[in-house]
Amino acid sequence: MGRCCTACICTTPAASASPNALAGLEEGIRAFDSCLAGLGGCPYAPGASGNVVTEDLVFMLESMGFTTGIDLENCLRHAMSCMPACPQNH
């Protein structure tokens, strides 16, 4: 039948988002939905706190030798600027 998936959404229950992204990567997925600073929910998984954290995903992929085209330092700077407004930080 061949491959049918071209993208992956990995939500964050039980800290499984990064391992699930890695599993998708091993299956040939090269497009991942993520969210800066872990913000937001997931329209496909009601009750999920959010998608895989962009900074974590970029760090993991680049550590593995993949080029993401994302400036990790800039991403981290913007994520940090969001932190004061995040409910989990109050």
Foldseek 3Di string as FASTA:
>chain_A
DDDDDAEDWAFQDPNCQQVVVVVVVVVPHDHYDEDQLQCDADPVDPPGRGTHHPLVNCVVQVVVPDDDVDDNVVSVVVSVVCVVVDPVND
